[in-house]
PDB file of N, CA and C in Angstrom:
ATOM      1  N   MET A   1       1.499 -74.637  49.069  1.00  0.00           N
ATOM      2  CA  MET A   1       1.871 -74.469  47.685  1.00  0.00           C
ATOM      3  C   MET A   1       0.632 -74.268  46.825  1.00  0.00           C
ATOM      4  N   SER A   2       0.830 -73.496  45.806  1.00  0.00           N
ATOM      5  CA  SER A   2      -0.245 -73.154  44.883  1.00  0.00           C
ATOM      6  C   SER A   2      -0.452 -74.254  43.850  1.00  0.00           C
ATOM      7  N   ASP A   3      -1.622 -74.276  43.251  1.00  0.00           N
ATOM      8  CA  ASP A   3      -1.889 -75.189  42.140  1.00  0.00           C
ATOM      9  C   ASP A   3      -1.467 -74.585  40.803  1.00  0.00           C
ATOM     10  N   ALA A   4      -0.962 -73.350  40.831  1.00  0.00           N
ATOM     11  CA  ALA A   4      -0.548 -72.684  39.592  1.00  0.00           C
ATOM     12  C   ALA A   4       0.612 -73.432  38.948  1.00  0.00           C
ATOM     13  N   LYS A   5       0.647 -73.392  37.633  1.00  0.00           N
ATOM     14  CA  LYS A   5       1.778 -73.973  36.912  1.00  0.00           C
ATOM     15  C   LYS A   5       3.008 -73.104  37.142  1.00  0.00           C
ATOM     16  N   VAL A   6       4.175 -73.730  37.019  1.00  0.00           N
ATOM     17  CA  VAL A   6       5.441 -73.057  37.295  1.00  0.00           C
ATOM     18  C   VAL A   6       6.319 -73.096  36.050  1.00  0.00           C
ATOM     19  N   ALA A   7       6.828 -71.931  35.666  1.00  0.00           N
ATOM     20  CA  ALA A   7       7.732 -71.831  34.521  1.00  0.00           C
ATOM     21  C   ALA A   7       9.094 -71.328  34.975  1.00  0.00           C
ATOM     22  N   VAL A   8      10.135 -71.973  34.495  1.00  0.00           N
ATOM     23  CA  VAL A   8      11.514 -71.539  34.704  1.00  0.00           C
ATOM     24  C   VAL A   8      11.962 -70.851  33.419  1.00  0.00           C
ATOM     25  N   ILE A   9      12.515 -69.649  33.553  1.00  0.00           N
ATOM     26  CA  ILE A   9      12.923 -68.874  32.385  1.00  0.00           C
ATOM     27  C   ILE A   9      14.369 -68.437  32.558  1.00  0.00           C
ATOM     28  N   THR A  10      15.244 -68.896  31.664  1.00  0.00           N
ATOM     29  CA  THR A  10      16.627 -68.438  31.695  1.00  0.00           C
ATOM     30  C   THR A  10      16.731 -67.142  30.903  1.00  0.00           C
ATOM     31  N   ALA A  11      17.730 -66.343  31.249  1.00  0.00           N
ATOM     32  CA  ALA A  11      17.893 -65.004  30.661  1.00  0.00           C
ATOM     33  C   ALA A  11      16.584 -64.231  30.804  1.00  0.00           C
ATOM     34  N   GLY A  12      15.987 -64.351  31.977  1.00  0.00           N
ATOM     35  CA  GLY A  12      14.664 -63.793  32.209  1.00  0.00           C
ATOM     36  C   GLY A  12      14.635 -62.404  32.796  1.00  0.00           C
ATOM     37  N   GLY A  13      15.769 -61.725  32.826  1.00  0.00           N
ATOM     38  CA  GLY A  13      15.800 -60.426  33.467  1.00  0.00           C
ATOM     39  C   GLY A  13      15.445 -59.245  32.588  1.00  0.00           C
ATOM     40  N   GLY A  14      15.509 -59.398  31.293  1.00  0.00           N
ATOM     41  CA  GLY A  14      15.239 -58.264  30.419  1.00  0.00           C
ATOM     42  C   GLY A  14      14.843 -58.712  29.031  1.00  0.00           C
ATOM     43  N   GLY A  15      14.462 -57.764  28.212  1.00  0.00           N
ATOM     44  CA  GLY A  15      14.136 -58.047  26.822  1.00  0.00           C
ATOM     45  C   GLY A  15      13.070 -59.111  26.664  1.00  0.00           C
ATOM     46  N   MET A  16      13.315 -60.030  25.735  1.00  0.00           N
ATOM     47  CA  MET A  16      12.353 -61.086  25.423  1.00  0.00           C
ATOM     48  C   MET A  16      12.091 -61.991  26.626  1.00  0.00           C
ATOM     49  N   GLY A  17      13.128 -62.306  27.397  1.00  0.00           N
ATOM     50  CA  GLY A  17      12.933 -63.161  28.570  1.00  0.00           C
ATOM     51  C   GLY A  17      11.984 -62.536  29.583  1.00  0.00           C
ATOM     52  N   ALA A  18      12.139 -61.239  29.819  1.00  0.00           N
ATOM     53  CA  ALA A  18      11.249 -60.537  30.746  1.00  0.00           C
ATOM     54  C   ALA A  18       9.831 -60.473  30.189  1.00  0.00           C
ATOM     55  N   ALA A  19       9.712 -60.263  28.883  1.00  0.00           N
ATOM     56  CA  ALA A  19       8.383 -60.221  28.259  1.00  0.00           C
ATOM     57  C   ALA A  19       7.680 -61.568  28.395  1.00  0.00           C
ATOM     58  N   VAL A  20       8.411 -62.647  28.193  1.00  0.00           N
ATOM     59  CA  VAL A  20       7.836 -63.990  28.361  1.00  0.00           C
ATOM     60  C   VAL A  20       7.418 -64.197  29.812  1.00  0.00           C
ATOM     61  N   ALA A  21       8.258 -63.783  30.746  1.00  0.00           N
ATOM     62  CA  ALA A  21       7.932 -63.927  32.169  1.00  0.00           C
ATOM     63  C   ALA A  21       6.653 -63.169  32.518  1.00  0.00           C
ATOM     64  N   ARG A  22       6.541 -61.945  32.036  1.00  0.00           N
ATOM     65  CA  ARG A  22       5.336 -61.148  32.321  1.00  0.00           C
ATOM     66  C   ARG A  22       4.087 -61.790  31.709  1.00  0.00           C
ATOM     67  N   GLU A  23       4.213 -62.284  30.487  1.00  0.00           N
ATOM     68  CA  GLU A  23       3.070 -62.908  29.817  1.00  0.00           C
ATOM     69  C   GLU A  23       2.637 -64.183  30.543  1.00  0.00           C
ATOM     70  N   LEU A  24       3.595 -65.021  30.905  1.00  0.00           N
ATOM     71  CA  LEU A  24       3.247 -66.246  31.631  1.00  0.00           C
ATOM     72  C   LEU A  24       2.625 -65.920  32.987  1.00  0.00           C
ATOM     73  N   HIS A  25       3.155 -64.897  33.646  1.00  0.00           N
ATOM     74  CA  HIS A  25       2.581 -64.472  34.926  1.00  0.00           C
ATOM     75  C   HIS A  25       1.128 -64.024  34.735  1.00  0.00           C
ATOM     76  N   GLN A  26       0.864 -63.269  33.663  1.00  0.00           N
ATOM     77  CA  GLN A  26      -0.503 -62.831  33.367  1.00  0.00           C
ATOM     78  C   GLN A  26      -1.428 -64.017  33.090  1.00  0.00           C
ATOM     79  N   CYS A  27      -0.851 -65.108  32.591  1.00  0.00           N
ATOM     80  CA  CYS A  27      -1.626 -66.330  32.306  1.00  0.00           C
ATOM     81  C   CYS A  27      -1.762 -67.227  33.533  1.00  0.00           C
ATOM     82  N   GLY A  28      -1.262 -66.765  34.677  1.00  0.00           N
ATOM     83  CA  GLY A  28      -1.447 -67.506  35.913  1.00  0.00           C
ATOM     84  C   GLY A  28      -0.274 -68.359  36.361  1.00  0.00           C
ATOM     85  N   TYR A  29       0.827 -68.317  35.655  1.00  0.00           N
ATOM     86  CA  TYR A  29       2.010 -69.087  36.041  1.00  0.00           C
ATOM     87  C   TYR A  29       2.767 -68.404  37.172  1.00  0.00           C
ATOM     88  N   GLU A  30       3.378 -69.212  38.021  1.00  0.00           N
ATOM     89  CA  GLU A  30       4.431 -68.745  38.905  1.00  0.00           C
ATOM     90  C   GLU A  30       5.695 -68.779  38.060  1.00  0.00           C
ATOM     91  N   VAL A  31       6.606 -67.820  38.260  1.00  0.00           N
ATOM     92  CA  VAL A  31       7.803 -67.784  37.435  1.00  0.00           C
ATOM     93  C   VAL A  31       9.062 -67.818  38.290  1.00  0.00           C
ATOM     94  N   ALA A  32      10.039 -68.580  37.809  1.00  0.00           N
ATOM     95  CA  ALA A  32      11.377 -68.622  38.395  1.00  0.00           C
ATOM     96  C   ALA A  32      12.331 -68.158  37.303  1.00  0.00           C
ATOM     97  N   LEU A  33      13.056 -67.091  37.587  1.00  0.00           N
ATOM     98  CA  LEU A  33      13.879 -66.440  36.572  1.00  0.00           C
ATOM     99  C   LEU A  33      15.355 -66.536  36.906  1.00  0.00           C
ATOM    100  N   MET A  34      16.175 -66.674  35.872  1.00  0.00           N
ATOM    101  CA  MET A  34      17.621 -66.637  36.049  1.00  0.00           C
ATOM    102  C   MET A  34      18.209 -65.611  35.099  1.00  0.00           C
ATOM    103  N   SER A  35      19.181 -64.851  35.617  1.00  0.00           N
ATOM    104  CA  SER A  35      19.900 -63.871  34.811  1.00  0.00           C
ATOM    105  C   SER A  35      21.265 -63.652  35.439  1.00  0.00           C
ATOM    106  N   ARG A  36      22.225 -63.257  34.613  1.00  0.00           N
ATOM    107  CA  ARG A  36      23.558 -62.965  35.141  1.00  0.00           C
ATOM    108  C   ARG A  36      23.579 -61.660  35.928  1.00  0.00           C
ATOM    109  N   SER A  37      22.593 -60.821  35.750  1.00  0.00           N
ATOM    110  CA  SER A  37      22.519 -59.552  36.475  1.00  0.00           C
ATOM    111  C   SER A  37      21.416 -59.633  37.528  1.00  0.00           C
ATOM    112  N   GLU A  38      21.277 -58.562  38.269  1.00  0.00           N
ATOM    113  CA  GLU A  38      20.227 -58.521  39.295  1.00  0.00           C
ATOM    114  C   GLU A  38      18.840 -58.298  38.698  1.00  0.00           C
ATOM    115  N   ALA A  39      18.753 -58.127  37.390  1.00  0.00           N
ATOM    116  CA  ALA A  39      17.473 -57.840  36.738  1.00  0.00           C
ATOM    117  C   ALA A  39      16.442 -58.938  36.979  1.00  0.00           C
ATOM    118  N   ALA A  40      16.852 -60.198  36.971  1.00  0.00           N
ATOM    119  CA  ALA A  40      15.903 -61.297  37.202  1.00  0.00           C
ATOM    120  C   ALA A  40      15.350 -61.235  38.615  1.00  0.00           C
ATOM    121  N   GLU A  41      16.217 -60.910  39.562  1.00  0.00           N
ATOM    122  CA  GLU A  41      15.763 -60.802  40.949  1.00  0.00           C
ATOM    123  C   GLU A  41      14.762 -59.655  41.100  1.00  0.00           C
ATOM    124  N   GLU A  42      15.026 -58.541  40.428  1.00  0.00           N
ATOM    125  CA  GLU A  42      14.121 -57.390  40.498  1.00  0.00           C
ATOM    126  C   GLU A  42      12.772 -57.700  39.852  1.00  0.00           C
ATOM    127  N   LEU A  43      12.789 -58.332  38.676  1.00  0.00           N
ATOM    128  CA  LEU A  43      11.539 -58.676  38.005  1.00  0.00           C
ATOM    129  C   LEU A  43      10.774 -59.726  38.803  1.00  0.00           C
ATOM    130  N   ALA A  44      11.485 -60.684  39.360  1.00  0.00           N
ATOM    131  CA  ALA A  44      10.831 -61.707  40.178  1.00  0.00           C
ATOM    132  C   ALA A  44      10.132 -61.068  41.372  1.00  0.00           C
ATOM    133  N   LEU A  45      10.769 -60.099  41.983  1.00  0.00           N
ATOM    134  CA  LEU A  45      10.151 -59.393  43.105  1.00  0.00           C
ATOM    135  C   LEU A  45       8.869 -58.699  42.648  1.00  0.00           C
ATOM    136  N   GLU A  46       8.920 -58.067  41.489  1.00  0.00           N
ATOM    137  CA  GLU A  46       7.741 -57.390  40.921  1.00  0.00           C
ATOM    138  C   GLU A  46       6.599 -58.373  40.658  1.00  0.00           C
ATOM    139  N   LEU A  47       6.938 -59.571  40.170  1.00  0.00           N
ATOM    140  CA  LEU A  47       5.922 -60.556  39.790  1.00  0.00           C
ATOM    141  C   LEU A  47       5.587 -61.542  40.907  1.00  0.00           C
ATOM    142  N   GLY A  48       6.253 -61.417  42.040  1.00  0.00           N
ATOM    143  CA  GLY A  48       6.016 -62.359  43.134  1.00  0.00           C
ATOM    144  C   GLY A  48       6.623 -63.724  42.868  1.00  0.00           C
ATOM    145  N   GLY A  49       7.654 -63.746  42.039  1.00  0.00           N
ATOM    146  CA  GLY A  49       8.290 -65.015  41.679  1.00  0.00           C
ATOM    147  C   GLY A  49       9.631 -65.198  42.353  1.00  0.00           C
ATOM    148  N   LEU A  50      10.424 -66.083  41.777  1.00  0.00           N
ATOM    149  CA  LEU A  50      11.748 -66.412  42.285  1.00  0.00           C
ATOM    150  C   LEU A  50      12.781 -65.902  41.301  1.00  0.00           C
ATOM    151  N   GLY A  51      13.798 -65.217  41.793  1.00  0.00           N
ATOM    152  CA  GLY A  51      14.886 -64.744  40.948  1.00  0.00           C
ATOM    153  C   GLY A  51      16.202 -65.294  41.438  1.00  0.00           C
ATOM    154  N   VAL A  52      16.985 -65.831  40.524  1.00  0.00           N
ATOM    155  CA  VAL A  52      18.282 -66.413  40.856  1.00  0.00           C
ATOM    156  C   VAL A  52      19.318 -65.797  39.926  1.00  0.00           C
ATOM    157  N   ARG A  53      20.413 -65.334  40.507  1.00  0.00           N
ATOM    158  CA  ARG A  53      21.486 -64.787  39.685  1.00  0.00           C
ATOM    159  C   ARG A  53      22.410 -65.920  39.266  1.00  0.00           C
ATOM    160  N   GLY A  54      22.663 -66.006  37.965  1.00  0.00           N
ATOM    161  CA  GLY A  54      23.558 -67.039  37.467  1.00  0.00           C
ATOM    162  C   GLY A  54      23.495 -67.127  35.960  1.00  0.00           C
ATOM    163  N   SER A  55      24.303 -68.033  35.429  1.00  0.00           N
ATOM    164  CA  SER A  55      24.400 -68.212  33.984  1.00  0.00           C
ATOM    165  C   SER A  55      24.111 -69.657  33.620  1.00  0.00           C
ATOM    166  N   VAL A  56      23.520 -69.855  32.455  1.00  0.00           N
ATOM    167  CA  VAL A  56      23.254 -71.215  31.989  1.00  0.00           C
ATOM    168  C   VAL A  56      24.542 -71.952  31.659  1.00  0.00           C
ATOM    169  N   THR A  57      25.649 -71.236  31.588  1.00  0.00           N
ATOM    170  CA  THR A  57      26.930 -71.888  31.346  1.00  0.00           C
ATOM    171  C   THR A  57      27.540 -72.438  32.628  1.00  0.00           C
ATOM    172  N   ASP A  58      26.896 -72.211  33.760  1.00  0.00           N
ATOM    173  CA  ASP A  58      27.381 -72.651  35.067  1.00  0.00           C
ATOM    174  C   ASP A  58      26.452 -73.734  35.612  1.00  0.00           C
ATOM    175  N   ALA A  59      26.925 -74.973  35.627  1.00  0.00           N
ATOM    176  CA  ALA A  59      26.096 -76.101  36.064  1.00  0.00           C
ATOM    177  C   ALA A  59      25.593 -75.921  37.492  1.00  0.00           C
ATOM    178  N   GLN A  60      26.417 -75.374  38.371  1.00  0.00           N
ATOM    179  CA  GLN A  60      25.985 -75.172  39.762  1.00  0.00           C
ATOM    180  C   GLN A  60      24.859 -74.149  39.848  1.00  0.00           C
ATOM    181  N   ALA A  61      24.925 -73.120  39.028  1.00  0.00           N
ATOM    182  CA  ALA A  61      23.856 -72.111  39.020  1.00  0.00           C
ATOM    183  C   ALA A  61      22.552 -72.721  38.524  1.00  0.00           C
ATOM    184  N   LEU A  62      22.634 -73.565  37.503  1.00  0.00           N
ATOM    185  CA  LEU A  62      21.427 -74.238  37.003  1.00  0.00           C
ATOM    186  C   LEU A  62      20.843 -75.174  38.052  1.00  0.00           C
ATOM    187  N   GLU A  63      21.712 -75.907  38.741  1.00  0.00           N
ATOM    188  CA  GLU A  63      21.242 -76.790  39.814  1.00  0.00           C
ATOM    189  C   GLU A  63      20.569 -75.984  40.916  1.00  0.00           C
ATOM    190  N   ALA A  64      21.133 -74.821  41.240  1.00  0.00           N
ATOM    191  CA  ALA A  64      20.532 -73.962  42.267  1.00  0.00           C
ATOM    192  C   ALA A  64      19.165 -73.460  41.819  1.00  0.00           C
ATOM    193  N   LEU A  65      19.049 -73.083  40.552  1.00  0.00           N
ATOM    194  CA  LEU A  65      17.761 -72.616  40.021  1.00  0.00           C
ATOM    195  C   LEU A  65      16.702 -73.704  40.145  1.00  0.00           C
ATOM    196  N   VAL A  66      17.033 -74.904  39.726  1.00  0.00           N
ATOM    197  CA  VAL A  66      16.075 -76.016  39.798  1.00  0.00           C
ATOM    198  C   VAL A  66      15.748 -76.336  41.251  1.00  0.00           C
ATOM    199  N   SER A  67      16.766 -76.431  42.087  1.00  0.00           N
ATOM    200  CA  SER A  67      16.554 -76.768  43.498  1.00  0.00           C
ATOM    201  C   SER A  67      15.690 -75.728  44.207  1.00  0.00           C
ATOM    202  N   GLN A  68      16.004 -74.447  44.005  1.00  0.00           N
ATOM    203  CA  GLN A  68      15.232 -73.392  44.663  1.00  0.00           C
ATOM    204  C   GLN A  68      13.800 -73.337  44.141  1.00  0.00           C
ATOM    205  N   THR A  69      13.632 -73.607  42.846  1.00  0.00           N
ATOM    206  CA  THR A  69      12.284 -73.627  42.271  1.00  0.00           C
ATOM    207  C   THR A  69      11.469 -74.760  42.874  1.00  0.00           C
ATOM    208  N   LEU A  70      12.058 -75.941  42.956  1.00  0.00           N
ATOM    209  CA  LEU A  70      11.343 -77.087  43.535  1.00  0.00           C
ATOM    210  C   LEU A  70      11.069 -76.881  45.018  1.00  0.00           C
ATOM    211  N   ASP A  71      12.020 -76.282  45.738  1.00  0.00           N
ATOM    212  CA  ASP A  71      11.803 -76.004  47.162  1.00  0.00           C
ATOM    213  C   ASP A  71      10.638 -75.040  47.359  1.00  0.00           C
ATOM    214  N   ARG A  72      10.555 -74.037  46.512  1.00  0.00           N
ATOM    215  CA  ARG A  72       9.517 -73.004  46.678  1.00  0.00           C
ATOM    216  C   ARG A  72       8.157 -73.445  46.152  1.00  0.00           C
ATOM    217  N   TYR A  73       8.143 -74.090  44.969  1.00  0.00           N
ATOM    218  CA  TYR A  73       6.873 -74.388  44.307  1.00  0.00           C
ATOM    219  C   TYR A  73       6.518 -75.871  44.259  1.00  0.00           C
ATOM    220  N   GLY A  74       7.510 -76.740  44.445  1.00  0.00           N
ATOM    221  CA  GLY A  74       7.248 -78.174  44.439  1.00  0.00           C
ATOM    222  C   GLY A  74       7.119 -78.800  43.066  1.00  0.00           C
ATOM    223  N   ARG A  75       7.321 -78.015  42.022  1.00  0.00           N
ATOM    224  CA  ARG A  75       7.152 -78.546  40.669  1.00  0.00           C
ATOM    225  C   ARG A  75       7.725 -77.578  39.643  1.00  0.00           C
ATOM    226  N   ILE A  76       7.949 -78.101  38.450  1.00  0.00           N
ATOM    227  CA  ILE A  76       8.311 -77.299  37.280  1.00  0.00           C
ATOM    228  C   ILE A  76       7.480 -77.836  36.126  1.00  0.00           C
ATOM    229  N   ASP A  77       6.677 -76.978  35.526  1.00  0.00           N
ATOM    230  CA  ASP A  77       5.801 -77.390  34.430  1.00  0.00           C
ATOM    231  C   ASP A  77       6.315 -76.974  33.058  1.00  0.00           C
ATOM    232  N   ALA A  78       7.107 -75.921  33.009  1.00  0.00           N
ATOM    233  CA  ALA A  78       7.597 -75.426  31.722  1.00  0.00           C
ATOM    234  C   ALA A  78       8.982 -74.822  31.907  1.00  0.00           C
ATOM    235  N   VAL A  79       9.802 -74.963  30.877  1.00  0.00           N
ATOM    236  CA  VAL A  79      11.129 -74.344  30.862  1.00  0.00           C
ATOM    237  C   VAL A  79      11.254 -73.539  29.575  1.00  0.00           C
ATOM    238  N   VAL A  80      11.605 -72.270  29.723  1.00  0.00           N
ATOM    239  CA  VAL A  80      11.879 -71.417  28.573  1.00  0.00           C
ATOM    240  C   VAL A  80      13.380 -71.140  28.604  1.00  0.00           C
ATOM    241  N   ASN A  81      14.113 -71.859  27.777  1.00  0.00           N
ATOM    242  CA  ASN A  81      15.567 -71.720  27.733  1.00  0.00           C
ATOM    243  C   ASN A  81      15.911 -70.596  26.765  1.00  0.00           C
ATOM    244  N   HIS A  82      15.747 -69.387  27.255  1.00  0.00           N
ATOM    245  CA  HIS A  82      15.935 -68.192  26.434  1.00  0.00           C
ATOM    246  C   HIS A  82      17.335 -67.650  26.700  1.00  0.00           C
ATOM    247  N   THR A  83      18.288 -68.154  25.953  1.00  0.00           N
ATOM    248  CA  THR A  83      19.665 -67.727  26.162  1.00  0.00           C
ATOM    249  C   THR A  83      20.347 -67.496  24.826  1.00  0.00           C
ATOM    250  N   ALA A  84      21.324 -66.631  24.832  1.00  0.00           N
ATOM    251  CA  ALA A  84      22.075 -66.351  23.611  1.00  0.00           C
ATOM    252  C   ALA A  84      23.338 -67.196  23.520  1.00  0.00           C
ATOM    253  N   HIS A  85      23.550 -68.048  24.513  1.00  0.00           N
ATOM    254  CA  HIS A  85      24.756 -68.882  24.521  1.00  0.00           C
ATOM    255  C   HIS A  85      24.538 -70.138  23.700  1.00  0.00           C
ATOM    256  N   PRO A  86      25.423 -70.406  22.741  1.00  0.00           N
ATOM    257  CA  PRO A  86      25.306 -71.680  22.018  1.00  0.00           C
ATOM    258  C   PRO A  86      25.734 -72.822  22.925  1.00  0.00           C
ATOM    259  N   PRO A  87      25.221 -74.012  22.692  1.00  0.00           N
ATOM    260  CA  PRO A  87      25.654 -75.145  23.499  1.00  0.00           C
ATOM    261  C   PRO A  87      27.137 -75.407  23.287  1.00  0.00           C
ATOM    262  N   LYS A  88      27.797 -75.919  24.307  1.00  0.00           N
ATOM    263  CA  LYS A  88      29.218 -76.223  24.212  1.00  0.00           C
ATOM    264  C   LYS A  88      29.398 -77.659  23.761  1.00  0.00           C
ATOM    265  N   GLY A  89      30.311 -77.862  22.843  1.00  0.00           N
ATOM    266  CA  GLY A  89      30.607 -79.203  22.377  1.00  0.00           C
ATOM    267  C   GLY A  89      30.537 -79.292  20.869  1.00  0.00           C
ATOM    268  N   GLU A  90      30.881 -80.443  20.383  1.00  0.00           N
ATOM    269  CA  GLU A  90      30.819 -80.702  18.952  1.00  0.00           C
ATOM    270  C   GLU A  90      29.364 -80.834  18.519  1.00  0.00           C
ATOM    271  N   LEU A  91      29.029 -80.314  17.360  1.00  0.00           N
ATOM    272  CA  LEU A  91      27.654 -80.307  16.879  1.00  0.00           C
ATOM    273  C   LEU A  91      27.033 -81.696  16.893  1.00  0.00           C
ATOM    274  N   LEU A  92      27.750 -82.691  16.425  1.00  0.00           N
ATOM    275  CA  LEU A  92      27.188 -84.039  16.361  1.00  0.00           C
ATOM    276  C   LEU A  92      27.037 -84.681  17.738  1.00  0.00           C
ATOM    277  N   ASP A  93      27.732 -84.149  18.744  1.00  0.00           N
ATOM    278  CA  ASP A  93      27.620 -84.683  20.103  1.00  0.00           C
ATOM    279  C   ASP A  93      26.465 -84.059  20.872  1.00  0.00           C
ATOM    280  N   ILE A  94      26.010 -82.903  20.417  1.00  0.00           N
ATOM    281  CA  ILE A  94      24.976 -82.166  21.155  1.00  0.00           C
ATOM    282  C   ILE A  94      23.650 -82.732  20.893  1.00  0.00           C
TER     283      ILE A  94
END
């Protein structure tokens, strides 16, 4: 395993999420990306990172992202929760 810091980025397949992933990669981070499309997997391949298909609205997909990231890198140093989904629940409960 590398000593590089590891960032997990949701909605990391395109737009701002992909830009953040590229910037963090340029700064020496390993990146683990999640997207509902195959875009995260494609960008992860380009950056030498991990790509997982899934949505932040799916608890099992999030667990898989964390588990696969820890299996591959042994750590998570940063999380960029870049998603357009509002949290579910009552405002005062969130």
